[in-house]
Amino acid sequence: MVDITELQKKGFGSHGGLQHTVSDSDIHPIGKRVLVYKMRFGDIKTKGGLILLDDDGKEQGIHPRWGRVYAVGAKQEDV
């Protein structure tokens, strides 16, 4: 078994895929897509004490997730 730190030194990410560095002008979302970074998953407690539950994968639907919008596609109207 290969140590993950050895792979990271060779440019591989923690998931085993190659890491690439891109500049800000290299990535543009297409159509209605939204590019988001710093996504946070899991339960969130607001300043007011409300607890927003994470998506449990059941039929009740998807609960809010939080992240920062980096770029919005030209056809996106909801963000």
C-alpha atoms as a PDB file:
ATOM      1  CA  MET A   1       0.000   0.000   0.000  1.00  0.00           C
ATOM      2  CA  VAL A   2       1.315   3.448  -0.935  1.00  0.00           C
ATOM      3  CA  ASP A   3       1.412   6.185   1.708  1.00  0.00           C
ATOM      4  CA  ILE A   4      -0.868   9.107   0.758  1.00  0.00           C
ATOM      5  CA  THR A   5       1.789  11.677   1.676  1.00  0.00           C
ATOM      6  CA  GLU A   6       4.144  10.123  -0.875  1.00  0.00           C
ATOM      7  CA  LEU A   7       1.456  10.415  -3.555  1.00  0.00           C
ATOM      8  CA  GLN A   8       0.775  14.034  -2.616  1.00  0.00           C
ATOM      9  CA  LYS A   9       4.469  14.853  -3.045  1.00  0.00           C
ATOM     10  CA  LYS A  10       4.169  13.518  -6.614  1.00  0.00           C
ATOM     11  CA  GLY A  11       1.172  15.772  -7.362  1.00  0.00           C
ATOM     12  CA  PHE A  12      -1.679  13.396  -6.565  1.00  0.00           C
ATOM     13  CA  GLY A  13      -4.630  14.465  -4.394  1.00  0.00           C
ATOM     14  CA  SER A  14      -5.980  12.666  -1.344  1.00  0.00           C
ATOM     15  CA  HIS A  15      -8.496  10.883  -3.594  1.00  0.00           C
ATOM     16  CA  GLY A  16      -5.713   9.575  -5.836  1.00  0.00           C
ATOM     17  CA  GLY A  17      -6.358  11.886  -8.798  1.00  0.00           C
ATOM     18  CA  LEU A  18      -3.807  14.298 -10.203  1.00  0.00           C
ATOM     19  CA  GLN A  19      -3.951  17.845  -8.872  1.00  0.00           C
ATOM     20  CA  HIS A  20      -3.796  20.732 -11.309  1.00  0.00           C
ATOM     21  CA  THR A  21      -3.313  24.426 -10.719  1.00  0.00           C
ATOM     22  CA  VAL A  22      -5.407  26.746 -12.865  1.00  0.00           C
ATOM     23  CA  SER A  23      -5.703  30.492 -13.044  1.00  0.00           C
ATOM     24  CA  ASP A  24      -8.926  32.401 -12.419  1.00  0.00           C
ATOM     25  CA  SER A  25      -9.498  32.910 -16.133  1.00  0.00           C
ATOM     26  CA  ASP A  26      -9.274  29.169 -16.966  1.00  0.00           C
ATOM     27  CA  ILE A  27     -12.644  28.087 -15.538  1.00  0.00           C
ATOM     28  CA  HIS A  28     -16.057  29.282 -16.686  1.00  0.00           C
ATOM     29  CA  PRO A  29     -19.371  27.578 -15.842  1.00  0.00           C
ATOM     30  CA  ILE A  30     -21.453  26.591 -18.867  1.00  0.00           C
ATOM     31  CA  GLY A  31     -25.153  27.401 -19.264  1.00  0.00           C
ATOM     32  CA  LYS A  32     -27.028  27.251 -15.957  1.00  0.00           C
ATOM     33  CA  ARG A  33     -24.118  25.814 -13.965  1.00  0.00           C
ATOM     34  CA  VAL A  34     -22.680  27.503 -10.879  1.00  0.00           C
ATOM     35  CA  LEU A  35     -19.096  27.118  -9.704  1.00  0.00           C
ATOM     36  CA  VAL A  36     -18.945  26.973  -5.897  1.00  0.00           C
ATOM     37  CA  TYR A  37     -16.000  26.586  -3.522  1.00  0.00           C
ATOM     38  CA  LYS A  38     -15.576  26.113   0.223  1.00  0.00           C
ATOM     39  CA  MET A  39     -18.690  23.932   0.378  1.00  0.00           C
ATOM     40  CA  ARG A  40     -19.781  22.999   3.885  1.00  0.00           C
ATOM     41  CA  PHE A  41     -21.804  19.876   4.507  1.00  0.00           C
ATOM     42  CA  GLY A  42     -23.389  18.659   7.681  1.00  0.00           C
ATOM     43  CA  ASP A  43     -25.669  20.259  10.223  1.00  0.00           C
ATOM     44  CA  ILE A  44     -25.337  24.006  10.745  1.00  0.00           C
ATOM     45  CA  LYS A  45     -26.340  26.018  13.799  1.00  0.00           C
ATOM     46  CA  THR A  46     -27.278  29.631  13.066  1.00  0.00           C
ATOM     47  CA  LYS A  47     -26.463  32.564  15.342  1.00  0.00           C
ATOM     48  CA  GLY A  48     -30.117  32.546  16.420  1.00  0.00           C
ATOM     49  CA  GLY A  49     -29.832  28.923  17.562  1.00  0.00           C
ATOM     50  CA  LEU A  50     -31.681  27.246  14.662  1.00  0.00           C
ATOM     51  CA  ILE A  51     -30.219  23.926  13.570  1.00  0.00           C
ATOM     52  CA  LEU A  52     -30.330  23.308   9.809  1.00  0.00           C
ATOM     53  CA  LEU A  53     -30.034  19.573   9.240  1.00  0.00           C
ATOM     54  CA  ASP A  54     -27.895  18.047   6.521  1.00  0.00           C
ATOM     55  CA  ASP A  55     -29.484  16.183   3.607  1.00  0.00           C
ATOM     56  CA  ASP A  56     -30.372  12.725   4.854  1.00  0.00           C
ATOM     57  CA  GLY A  57     -30.962  11.350   1.348  1.00  0.00           C
ATOM     58  CA  LYS A  58     -34.615  10.596   1.994  1.00  0.00           C
ATOM     59  CA  GLU A  59     -37.709  11.742   0.156  1.00  0.00           C
ATOM     60  CA  GLN A  60     -38.067  14.922   2.246  1.00  0.00           C
ATOM     61  CA  GLY A  61     -35.681  16.600  -0.170  1.00  0.00           C
ATOM     62  CA  ILE A  62     -32.357  18.283  -0.038  1.00  0.00           C
ATOM     63  CA  HIS A  63     -31.540  20.581   2.853  1.00  0.00           C
ATOM     64  CA  PRO A  64     -29.482  23.773   2.450  1.00  0.00           C
ATOM     65  CA  ARG A  65     -25.763  23.583   1.920  1.00  0.00           C
ATOM     66  CA  TRP A  66     -23.437  26.512   2.251  1.00  0.00           C
ATOM     67  CA  GLY A  67     -20.606  27.628   0.013  1.00  0.00           C
ATOM     68  CA  ARG A  68     -19.146  30.590  -1.805  1.00  0.00           C
ATOM     69  CA  VAL A  69     -20.142  31.269  -5.399  1.00  0.00           C
ATOM     70  CA  TYR A  70     -17.090  31.675  -7.607  1.00  0.00           C
ATOM     71  CA  ALA A  71     -18.789  32.108 -10.986  1.00  0.00           C
ATOM     72  CA  VAL A  72     -22.258  31.829 -12.524  1.00  0.00           C
ATOM     73  CA  GLY A  73     -23.106  30.556 -16.004  1.00  0.00           C
ATOM     74  CA  ALA A  74     -24.690  32.961 -18.493  1.00  0.00           C
ATOM     75  CA  LYS A  75     -28.093  31.198 -18.437  1.00  0.00           C
ATOM     76  CA  GLN A  76     -28.362  30.886 -14.630  1.00  0.00           C
ATOM     77  CA  GLU A  77     -31.222  33.004 -13.275  1.00  0.00           C
ATOM     78  CA  ASP A  78     -31.649  31.665  -9.721  1.00  0.00           C
ATOM     79  CA  VAL A  79     -28.401  32.727  -8.057  1.00  0.00           C
END
